[in-house]
Amino acid sequence: MDNKDDLPCNKELEPLKYAKVATAASVSRQKVEGCIRGITSLLSHCLGKGENVALVLRDVGVLLIEGMRVKMRFYYDFLERMSGKRNLERAAFKVPQLLKMVVSRAIPVASLTFCGRVIIFPEFELEFVPKPIPRDLLKTLRKVPDEDKRKKKQALPPLRQGKEGKEAPSLGNQLL
């Protein structure tokens, strides 16, 4: 397989340098290779099944894959380190859409998705955040037609206040 044909602009894929990663992480090369292959395999399996996936990149941000949509959200402090605080503030002022790419570390990753359900890598955990019911639907569920209200009022006998100790007439006697 020729990598130049698979990538846009004829860019070449570079093989991952497992030894370099192992040295930086202070673990064996075999452990690094096993972890990366395991994550790659599981990620491929989840995507093949159509699962929503979030790849959390420590100190960088979150790569979200939902169906055919892929979006990257960055942590503010990462963008600040890359461009400098002043440059980031100027860029956000000039291009407010940039703020849509920023995500807080505190919010649940699943809340970034449309369906509220996602598998988070590398933790391999399923996260679910229930989406709120739209206001229009809530209003229709709460609304009782006026006709139903009138029927309810007619069906109930009036309360007998101040008549303690006396037996209230039964509903059957009131209807006759």
Protein backbone atom coordinates (compact mmCIF):
# COMPACT_ATOMS: atom_id res chain seq x y z
CA MET A 1 0.00 0.00 0.00
CA ASP A 2 1.42 3.37 -1.01
CA ASN A 3 0.77 5.99 1.67
CA LYS A 4 1.14 8.84 -0.80
CA ASP A 5 -2.05 7.74 -2.59
CA ASP A 6 -4.09 7.56 0.63
CA LEU A 7 -3.44 11.03 2.01
CA PRO A 8 -4.40 14.44 0.62
CA CYS A 9 -1.65 16.56 -0.92
CA ASN A 10 0.62 13.49 -1.24
CA LYS A 11 1.77 13.71 2.37
CA GLU A 12 3.66 10.71 3.67
CA LEU A 13 2.80 8.95 6.87
CA GLU A 14 5.71 8.63 9.23
CA PRO A 15 5.93 5.49 11.32
CA LEU A 16 5.35 6.04 15.01
CA LYS A 17 8.59 6.11 16.95
CA TYR A 18 7.68 3.72 19.79
CA ALA A 19 11.13 3.97 21.40
CA LYS A 20 10.88 7.76 21.61
CA VAL A 21 7.41 7.55 23.18
CA ALA A 22 8.63 4.86 25.61
CA THR A 23 11.55 7.02 26.73
CA ALA A 24 9.32 10.06 27.25
CA ALA A 25 6.77 7.98 29.22
CA SER A 26 9.41 6.00 31.15
CA VAL A 27 7.98 2.62 30.12
CA SER A 28 9.16 -0.21 27.88
CA ARG A 29 8.88 -0.04 24.11
CA GLN A 30 6.76 -3.23 24.16
CA LYS A 31 4.28 -1.65 26.59
CA VAL A 32 3.94 1.45 24.40
CA GLU A 33 3.46 -0.62 21.26
CA GLY A 34 0.87 -2.86 22.97
CA CYS A 35 -1.09 0.11 24.33
CA ILE A 36 -1.12 1.96 21.02
CA ARG A 37 -2.14 -1.15 19.07
CA GLY A 38 -4.85 -1.91 21.63
CA ILE A 39 -6.30 1.60 21.47
CA THR A 40 -6.11 1.63 17.67
CA SER A 41 -7.85 -1.75 17.46
CA LEU A 42 -10.62 -0.82 19.90
CA LEU A 43 -11.09 2.58 18.26
CA SER A 44 -11.40 0.91 14.86
CA HIS A 45 -13.91 -1.61 16.25
CA CYS A 46 -16.07 1.13 17.84
CA LEU A 47 -16.06 3.25 14.70
CA GLY A 48 -16.91 0.17 12.61
CA LYS A 49 -19.98 -0.37 14.81
CA GLY A 50 -21.02 3.27 14.40
CA GLU A 51 -20.31 4.24 18.02
CA ASN A 52 -19.63 7.88 18.91
CA VAL A 53 -16.06 8.26 20.09
CA ALA A 54 -14.14 10.92 21.97
CA LEU A 55 -10.37 10.70 21.97
CA VAL A 56 -9.14 12.75 24.93
CA LEU A 57 -5.69 14.14 24.20
CA ARG A 58 -4.12 15.02 27.53
CA ASP A 59 -3.37 18.75 27.88
CA VAL A 60 -4.56 19.38 24.29
CA GLY A 61 -8.29 18.75 23.96
CA VAL A 62 -10.88 16.30 22.69
CA LEU A 63 -11.30 14.80 19.22
CA LEU A 64 -15.01 13.97 18.76
CA ILE A 65 -16.18 11.51 16.12
CA GLU A 66 -19.96 11.30 15.66
CA GLY A 67 -21.07 9.37 12.61
CA MET A 68 -19.46 11.14 9.66
CA ARG A 69 -18.71 14.33 11.65
CA VAL A 70 -15.30 14.93 13.18
CA LYS A 71 -14.51 17.97 15.28
CA MET A 72 -11.65 18.99 17.52
CA ARG A 73 -12.21 20.97 20.70
CA PHE A 74 -9.17 22.47 22.44
CA TYR A 75 -8.52 23.28 26.07
CA TYR A 76 -8.13 27.03 26.58
CA ASP A 77 -4.79 26.67 28.38
CA PHE A 78 -3.42 24.65 25.43
CA LEU A 79 -4.35 27.38 22.95
CA GLU A 80 -2.91 29.95 25.32
CA ARG A 81 0.41 28.05 25.48
CA MET A 82 0.53 27.71 21.68
CA SER A 83 -0.27 31.30 20.76
CA GLY A 84 0.26 33.34 23.91
CA LYS A 85 -2.47 34.89 26.01
CA ARG A 86 -2.45 38.23 24.22
CA ASN A 87 -2.58 36.71 20.73
CA LEU A 88 -5.38 34.35 21.77
CA GLU A 89 -7.47 37.21 23.18
CA ARG A 90 -6.98 39.24 19.98
CA ALA A 91 -7.89 36.24 17.81
CA ALA A 92 -11.02 35.51 19.86
CA PHE A 93 -12.05 39.16 19.57
CA LYS A 94 -11.55 39.22 15.78
CA VAL A 95 -12.98 35.73 15.15
CA PRO A 96 -15.64 34.93 17.79
CA GLN A 97 -16.26 31.51 16.15
CA LEU A 98 -12.88 30.48 17.56
CA LEU A 99 -14.51 30.22 20.99
CA LYS A 100 -16.72 27.39 19.68
CA MET A 101 -13.54 25.30 19.41
CA VAL A 102 -12.67 25.81 23.08
CA VAL A 103 -13.80 23.30 25.70
CA SER A 104 -13.57 23.27 29.47
CA ARG A 105 -11.92 20.35 31.23
CA ALA A 106 -14.76 20.42 33.77
CA ILE A 107 -17.71 19.59 31.51
CA PRO A 108 -18.66 15.98 30.71
CA VAL A 109 -17.33 14.97 27.30
CA ALA A 110 -20.68 13.39 26.37
CA SER A 111 -22.34 16.81 26.62
CA LEU A 112 -20.35 17.86 23.54
CA THR A 113 -22.18 15.31 21.39
CA PHE A 114 -25.61 15.55 19.78
CA CYS A 115 -26.89 12.32 21.29
CA GLY A 116 -25.24 12.68 24.71
CA ARG A 117 -23.55 9.25 24.50
CA VAL A 118 -19.89 8.61 23.75
CA ILE A 119 -17.05 6.17 24.37
CA ILE A 120 -14.09 8.02 25.83
CA PHE A 121 -10.55 6.98 24.91
CA PRO A 122 -8.07 6.15 26.34
CA GLU A 123 -10.14 5.42 29.48
CA PHE A 124 -12.49 3.10 27.51
CA GLU A 125 -15.53 4.26 29.44
CA LEU A 126 -19.04 4.91 28.23
CA GLU A 127 -20.36 8.32 29.21
CA PHE A 128 -24.00 9.29 28.94
CA VAL A 129 -25.52 12.71 29.57
CA PRO A 130 -29.31 12.89 29.19
CA LYS A 131 -30.35 15.66 26.85
CA PRO A 132 -33.04 18.01 28.19
CA ILE A 133 -36.54 17.69 26.74
CA PRO A 134 -37.24 20.56 24.30
CA ARG A 135 -39.48 23.30 25.77
CA ASP A 136 -42.13 22.90 23.09
CA LEU A 137 -42.56 19.23 23.95
CA LEU A 138 -42.71 20.00 27.68
CA LYS A 139 -45.47 22.56 27.10
CA THR A 140 -47.57 20.10 25.11
CA LEU A 141 -47.10 17.40 27.74
CA ARG A 142 -48.19 19.73 30.55
CA LYS A 143 -51.10 21.30 28.67
CA VAL A 144 -54.54 19.86 29.53
CA PRO A 145 -57.32 20.79 27.13
CA ASP A 146 -60.08 22.98 28.69
CA GLU A 147 -62.67 20.30 27.99
CA ASP A 148 -60.83 17.79 30.19
CA LYS A 149 -60.64 20.35 33.02
CA ARG A 150 -64.44 20.89 32.95
CA LYS A 151 -65.09 17.13 33.08
CA LYS A 152 -62.84 16.77 36.11
CA LYS A 153 -64.66 19.58 37.97
CA GLN A 154 -68.11 18.06 37.27
CA ALA A 155 -67.09 14.57 38.38
CA LEU A 156 -65.98 15.61 41.88
CA PRO A 157 -68.59 16.38 44.56
CA PRO A 158 -68.31 19.74 46.35
CA LEU A 159 -66.49 19.78 49.65
CA ARG A 160 -68.69 20.00 52.77
CA GLN A 161 -66.94 22.53 54.95
CA GLY A 162 -68.18 23.21 58.49
CA LYS A 163 -70.29 20.03 58.65
CA GLU A 164 -68.13 17.97 60.95
CA GLY A 165 -69.53 14.71 62.25
CA LYS A 166 -72.25 14.44 59.61
CA GLU A 167 -71.91 11.91 56.89
CA ALA A 168 -71.52 13.43 53.45
CA PRO A 169 -73.97 12.11 50.87
CA SER A 170 -72.53 9.47 48.60
CA LEU A 171 -71.69 10.23 45.01
CA GLY A 172 -74.50 7.91 43.92
CA ASN A 173 -77.12 9.98 45.78
CA GLN A 174 -75.88 13.21 44.20
CA LEU A 175 -76.24 11.85 40.69
CA LEU A 176 -79.91 10.77 41.25
